[in-house]
Amino acid sequence: VSIGDHRTEDVGQNETIRIGANRSVTIGGNKAETIKLAKAETIGLAKALTIGAAYQTSVGAAMNTTVGLSQSEQVGIHKSVAVGKKFTIDAGDEFKVTVGKSTLVMKSDGTVMINGRTFDFSASGAVQINGKDVDIN
């Protein structure tokens, strides 16, 4: 089918399209899609999304992400997270933060390790250290 300029299609109720193998769509300009109620998308194997410049998502109420095995994220220069009231991280076995040569490691057995070149502790109030044995040097 070849259409010279414009095409309008109006379906009064439902539409079903079945394609036996592959489908390719190329759009020379912009694409806008409005769905008045809900959208469900099921993909049997994998999905790849490549965006040339910017990506933005807005969710009105709640958002949940579930990953079965592993999730990784790489950010080139800067990442910030702003939470209005409470931010919780729950790691099953180990939580580790590394910045250059400094590390903070917390393990499920209660071990907390802080390693760095120098330590600077300041407080406007009292500093209290509690433990069965507290060794300083």
Protein backbone atom coordinates (compact mmCIF):
# COMPACT_ATOMS: atom_id res chain seq x y z
CA VAL A 1 0.00 0.00 0.00
CA SER A 2 1.41 3.38 -0.96
CA ILE A 3 -0.20 6.57 0.31
CA GLY A 4 1.05 9.92 -1.01
CA ASP A 5 0.39 12.36 1.83
CA HIS A 6 -1.92 11.61 4.76
CA ARG A 7 -3.77 8.57 6.08
CA THR A 8 -6.47 8.42 8.72
CA GLU A 9 -7.84 5.16 10.07
CA ASP A 10 -10.88 4.94 12.35
CA VAL A 11 -11.86 1.70 14.10
CA GLY A 12 -15.17 1.85 15.97
CA GLN A 13 -14.53 -0.90 18.53
CA ASN A 14 -11.65 -3.40 18.63
CA GLU A 15 -8.72 -4.11 16.31
CA THR A 16 -6.56 -7.23 16.19
CA ILE A 17 -3.42 -7.58 14.09
CA ARG A 18 -1.56 -10.89 13.80
CA ILE A 19 1.86 -11.02 12.16
CA GLY A 20 3.39 -14.45 11.58
CA ALA A 21 7.06 -13.45 11.73
CA ASN A 22 8.65 -9.98 11.96
CA ARG A 23 7.40 -6.41 11.78
CA SER A 24 9.44 -3.25 11.15
CA VAL A 25 8.17 0.31 11.43
CA THR A 26 10.15 3.40 10.43
CA ILE A 27 8.79 6.83 11.32
CA GLY A 28 10.39 9.83 9.65
CA GLY A 29 9.35 12.34 12.33
CA ASN A 30 7.68 12.05 15.73
CA LYS A 31 5.37 9.43 17.24
CA ALA A 32 2.72 10.20 19.86
CA GLU A 33 0.71 7.48 21.57
CA THR A 34 -2.17 8.09 23.99
CA ILE A 35 -3.77 5.22 25.89
CA LYS A 36 -6.73 6.29 28.01
CA LEU A 37 -6.75 3.39 30.51
CA ALA A 38 -3.94 0.83 30.74
CA LYS A 39 -1.22 -0.78 28.65
CA ALA A 40 0.28 -4.25 29.08
CA GLU A 41 3.38 -5.33 27.20
CA THR A 42 4.70 -8.90 27.18
CA ILE A 43 8.02 -9.71 25.53
CA GLY A 44 9.10 -13.35 25.34
CA LEU A 45 12.90 -12.99 25.31
CA ALA A 46 14.56 -9.57 25.46
CA LYS A 47 14.00 -5.85 24.95
CA ALA A 48 16.60 -3.24 24.01
CA LEU A 49 15.94 0.49 24.10
CA THR A 50 18.38 3.04 22.66
CA ILE A 51 17.72 6.76 23.06
CA GLY A 52 19.96 9.36 21.43
CA ALA A 53 19.74 12.23 23.92
CA ALA A 54 17.28 12.28 26.85
CA TYR A 55 14.82 9.96 28.61
CA GLN A 56 12.23 10.96 31.20
CA THR A 57 9.60 8.92 33.04
CA SER A 58 6.78 10.32 35.20
CA VAL A 59 4.63 8.05 37.37
CA GLY A 60 1.65 9.55 39.18
CA ALA A 61 1.48 7.27 42.24
CA ALA A 62 3.65 4.16 42.62
CA MET A 63 6.38 2.36 40.66
CA ASN A 64 7.87 -1.07 41.27
CA THR A 65 10.71 -2.84 39.46
CA THR A 66 11.33 -6.57 39.89
CA VAL A 67 14.46 -8.23 38.46
CA GLY A 68 14.87 -12.01 38.71
CA LEU A 69 18.68 -12.29 38.80
CA SER A 70 20.91 -9.25 38.39
CA GLN A 71 20.63 -5.51 37.69
CA SER A 72 23.44 -3.10 36.85
CA GLU A 73 23.47 0.63 36.24
CA GLN A 74 26.23 2.87 34.87
CA VAL A 75 26.05 6.67 35.00
CA GLY A 76 28.72 8.64 33.15
CA ILE A 77 29.14 11.74 35.33
CA HIS A 78 26.54 12.50 38.02
CA LYS A 79 23.61 10.78 39.73
CA SER A 80 21.41 12.21 42.45
CA VAL A 81 18.49 10.70 44.34
CA ALA A 82 16.03 12.85 46.30
CA VAL A 83 13.61 11.16 48.70
CA GLY A 84 10.96 13.15 50.56
CA LYS A 85 10.88 11.21 53.84
CA LYS A 86 12.54 7.79 54.12
CA PHE A 87 15.15 5.92 52.05
CA THR A 88 15.74 2.23 52.81
CA ILE A 89 18.41 -0.10 51.43
CA ASP A 90 18.15 -3.77 52.39
CA ALA A 91 21.05 -6.00 51.33
CA GLY A 92 20.92 -9.71 52.17
CA ASP A 93 24.63 -10.44 52.69
CA GLU A 94 26.76 -7.35 52.14
CA PHE A 95 26.51 -3.61 51.45
CA LYS A 96 29.61 -1.87 50.10
CA VAL A 97 30.32 1.74 49.18
CA THR A 98 33.62 2.60 47.50
CA VAL A 99 34.88 6.10 46.73
CA GLY A 100 38.46 6.05 45.42
CA LYS A 101 40.57 4.44 48.17
CA SER A 102 37.84 4.71 50.85
CA THR A 103 35.39 1.88 51.58
CA LEU A 104 32.46 1.21 53.87
CA VAL A 105 31.43 -2.46 54.12
CA MET A 106 28.54 -3.79 56.20
CA LYS A 107 28.00 -7.55 56.42
CA SER A 108 24.99 -9.61 57.50
CA ASP A 109 26.88 -10.96 60.56
CA GLY A 110 27.01 -7.41 61.99
CA THR A 111 30.57 -6.58 60.90
CA VAL A 112 31.07 -2.97 59.82
CA MET A 113 34.38 -2.00 58.24
CA ILE A 114 35.38 1.56 57.38
CA ASN A 115 38.69 1.96 55.57
CA GLY A 116 40.35 5.14 54.41
CA ARG A 117 43.56 7.16 54.41
CA THR A 118 42.49 9.66 57.09
CA PHE A 119 39.45 9.96 59.35
CA ASP A 120 37.89 13.22 60.50
CA PHE A 121 35.16 12.92 63.12
CA SER A 122 33.39 16.13 64.21
CA ALA A 123 30.34 16.69 66.34
CA SER A 124 28.65 19.74 67.80
CA GLY A 125 27.67 17.57 70.78
CA ALA A 126 29.16 14.64 72.67
CA VAL A 127 30.85 11.71 70.90
CA GLN A 128 30.13 8.31 72.42
CA ILE A 129 31.75 4.99 71.50
CA ASN A 130 30.26 1.83 73.06
CA GLY A 131 31.56 -1.71 72.84
CA LYS A 132 32.69 -4.69 74.89
CA ASP A 133 36.32 -3.62 74.35
CA VAL A 134 37.22 -0.25 72.83
CA ASP A 135 40.85 -0.06 71.71
CA ILE A 136 42.34 3.21 70.49
CA ASN A 137 45.89 2.53 69.20
